[in-house]
Amino acid sequence: MDAYRLDLTCLALADMFKSKSAEEVLEIFSVKDELTPEEEEDLREELKCALE
């Protein structure tokens, strides 16, 4: 796959998911959220700057 097609694919995927919540994306890919509430809170704290 050339760089142009890769860029277009990434752009299309980003556009598809930009308006979706994390829960919706998990559902689309049939992924179960396996984090405990405590693990999720720890992760949110660790990645706070990325979530702002």
N, C-alpha and C. Protein backbone atom coordinates (compact mmCIF):
# COMPACT_ATOMS: atom_id res chain seq x y z
N MET A 1 0.86 -1.18 0.00
CA MET A 1 0.00 0.00 0.00
C MET A 1 0.90 1.24 0.00
N ASP A 2 0.62 2.15 -0.87
CA ASP A 2 1.45 3.35 -0.91
C ASP A 2 1.02 4.34 0.18
N ALA A 3 1.86 5.33 0.39
CA ALA A 3 1.63 6.30 1.47
C ALA A 3 0.32 7.07 1.27
N TYR A 4 -0.02 7.37 0.02
CA TYR A 4 -1.24 8.11 -0.26
C TYR A 4 -2.47 7.33 0.19
N ARG A 5 -2.53 6.06 -0.15
CA ARG A 5 -3.68 5.24 0.25
C ARG A 5 -3.72 5.05 1.75
N LEU A 6 -2.57 4.90 2.37
CA LEU A 6 -2.52 4.77 3.82
C LEU A 6 -3.06 6.04 4.48
N ASP A 7 -2.64 7.19 3.97
CA ASP A 7 -3.14 8.46 4.51
C ASP A 7 -4.65 8.58 4.35
N LEU A 8 -5.17 8.20 3.19
CA LEU A 8 -6.61 8.26 2.97
C LEU A 8 -7.37 7.32 3.89
N THR A 9 -6.82 6.13 4.10
CA THR A 9 -7.45 5.17 5.00
C THR A 9 -7.47 5.70 6.42
N CYS A 10 -6.35 6.24 6.87
CA CYS A 10 -6.28 6.80 8.23
C CYS A 10 -7.25 7.97 8.38
N LEU A 11 -7.34 8.80 7.37
CA LEU A 11 -8.27 9.93 7.41
C LEU A 11 -9.71 9.46 7.49
N ALA A 12 -10.05 8.44 6.70
CA ALA A 12 -11.41 7.91 6.72
C ALA A 12 -11.75 7.30 8.08
N LEU A 13 -10.82 6.55 8.65
CA LEU A 13 -11.06 5.96 9.97
C LEU A 13 -11.19 7.02 11.04
N ALA A 14 -10.32 8.02 11.00
CA ALA A 14 -10.40 9.11 11.99
C ALA A 14 -11.74 9.82 11.89
N ASP A 15 -12.20 10.05 10.67
CA ASP A 15 -13.48 10.71 10.47
C ASP A 15 -14.64 9.86 11.00
N MET A 16 -14.54 8.54 10.80
CA MET A 16 -15.59 7.63 11.28
C MET A 16 -15.72 7.65 12.80
N PHE A 17 -14.59 7.75 13.49
CA PHE A 17 -14.59 7.58 14.93
C PHE A 17 -14.53 8.87 15.73
N LYS A 18 -14.36 10.01 15.08
CA LYS A 18 -14.18 11.25 15.85
C LYS A 18 -15.42 11.64 16.64
N SER A 19 -16.58 11.21 16.22
CA SER A 19 -17.80 11.58 16.95
C SER A 19 -18.31 10.45 17.84
N LYS A 20 -17.54 9.38 17.97
CA LYS A 20 -17.96 8.23 18.78
C LYS A 20 -17.35 8.31 20.18
N SER A 21 -18.10 7.82 21.14
CA SER A 21 -17.56 7.72 22.50
C SER A 21 -16.68 6.48 22.58
N ALA A 22 -15.92 6.38 23.64
CA ALA A 22 -15.07 5.20 23.82
C ALA A 22 -15.91 3.94 23.88
N GLU A 23 -17.06 4.03 24.53
CA GLU A 23 -17.93 2.87 24.64
C GLU A 23 -18.45 2.42 23.27
N GLU A 24 -18.77 3.38 22.42
CA GLU A 24 -19.25 3.05 21.08
C GLU A 24 -18.16 2.37 20.25
N VAL A 25 -16.93 2.85 20.37
CA VAL A 25 -15.81 2.24 19.63
C VAL A 25 -15.58 0.82 20.13
N LEU A 26 -15.62 0.62 21.44
CA LEU A 26 -15.47 -0.73 21.98
C LEU A 26 -16.55 -1.65 21.44
N GLU A 27 -17.77 -1.16 21.35
CA GLU A 27 -18.88 -1.97 20.84
C GLU A 27 -18.70 -2.29 19.36
N ILE A 28 -18.25 -1.33 18.57
CA ILE A 28 -18.03 -1.55 17.14
C ILE A 28 -17.03 -2.68 16.92
N PHE A 29 -15.97 -2.71 17.72
CA PHE A 29 -14.94 -3.73 17.57
C PHE A 29 -15.18 -4.95 18.45
N SER A 30 -16.33 -5.01 19.10
CA SER A 30 -16.69 -6.14 19.98
C SER A 30 -15.63 -6.39 21.05
N VAL A 31 -15.18 -5.31 21.67
CA VAL A 31 -14.17 -5.40 22.73
C VAL A 31 -14.87 -5.15 24.06
N LYS A 32 -14.61 -6.02 25.01
CA LYS A 32 -15.17 -5.84 26.34
C LYS A 32 -14.21 -5.00 27.17
N ASP A 33 -14.77 -4.06 27.90
CA ASP A 33 -13.97 -3.22 28.78
C ASP A 33 -13.62 -4.04 30.01
N GLU A 34 -12.37 -4.44 30.12
CA GLU A 34 -11.96 -5.34 31.19
C GLU A 34 -11.28 -4.64 32.35
N LEU A 35 -11.26 -3.32 32.35
CA LEU A 35 -10.65 -2.60 33.45
C LEU A 35 -11.62 -2.48 34.62
N THR A 36 -11.08 -2.63 35.81
CA THR A 36 -11.90 -2.36 36.99
C THR A 36 -12.04 -0.84 37.11
N PRO A 37 -13.01 -0.37 37.86
CA PRO A 37 -13.14 1.09 38.03
C PRO A 37 -11.87 1.71 38.61
N GLU A 38 -11.19 1.00 39.49
CA GLU A 38 -9.95 1.52 40.07
C GLU A 38 -8.85 1.62 39.01
N GLU A 39 -8.73 0.60 38.16
CA GLU A 39 -7.73 0.62 37.09
C GLU A 39 -8.03 1.73 36.10
N GLU A 40 -9.30 1.93 35.80
CA GLU A 40 -9.68 2.99 34.87
C GLU A 40 -9.34 4.35 35.45
N GLU A 41 -9.60 4.56 36.73
CA GLU A 41 -9.27 5.83 37.36
C GLU A 41 -7.76 6.07 37.37
N ASP A 42 -6.99 5.02 37.68
CA ASP A 42 -5.53 5.14 37.65
C ASP A 42 -5.03 5.52 36.26
N LEU A 43 -5.59 4.89 35.25
CA LEU A 43 -5.20 5.17 33.87
C LEU A 43 -5.59 6.59 33.48
N ARG A 44 -6.78 7.03 33.87
CA ARG A 44 -7.20 8.40 33.57
C ARG A 44 -6.26 9.41 34.23
N GLU A 45 -5.85 9.13 35.45
CA GLU A 45 -4.93 10.03 36.15
C GLU A 45 -3.57 10.05 35.45
N GLU A 46 -3.11 8.88 35.05
CA GLU A 46 -1.81 8.77 34.38
C GLU A 46 -1.80 9.50 33.04
N LEU A 47 -2.93 9.47 32.34
CA LEU A 47 -3.02 10.06 31.00
C LEU A 47 -3.79 11.37 30.98
N LYS A 48 -3.87 12.02 32.13
CA LYS A 48 -4.67 13.23 32.27
C LYS A 48 -4.34 14.28 31.21
N CYS A 49 -3.06 14.49 30.94
CA CYS A 49 -2.69 15.54 29.98
C CYS A 49 -3.17 15.19 28.57
N ALA A 50 -3.28 13.92 28.24
CA ALA A 50 -3.74 13.52 26.90
C ALA A 50 -5.25 13.63 26.78
N LEU A 51 -5.96 13.62 27.91
CA LEU A 51 -7.42 13.64 27.89
C LEU A 51 -8.00 15.05 27.98
N GLU A 52 -7.15 16.04 28.12
CA GLU A 52 -7.63 17.42 28.26
C GLU A 52 -8.00 18.01 26.93
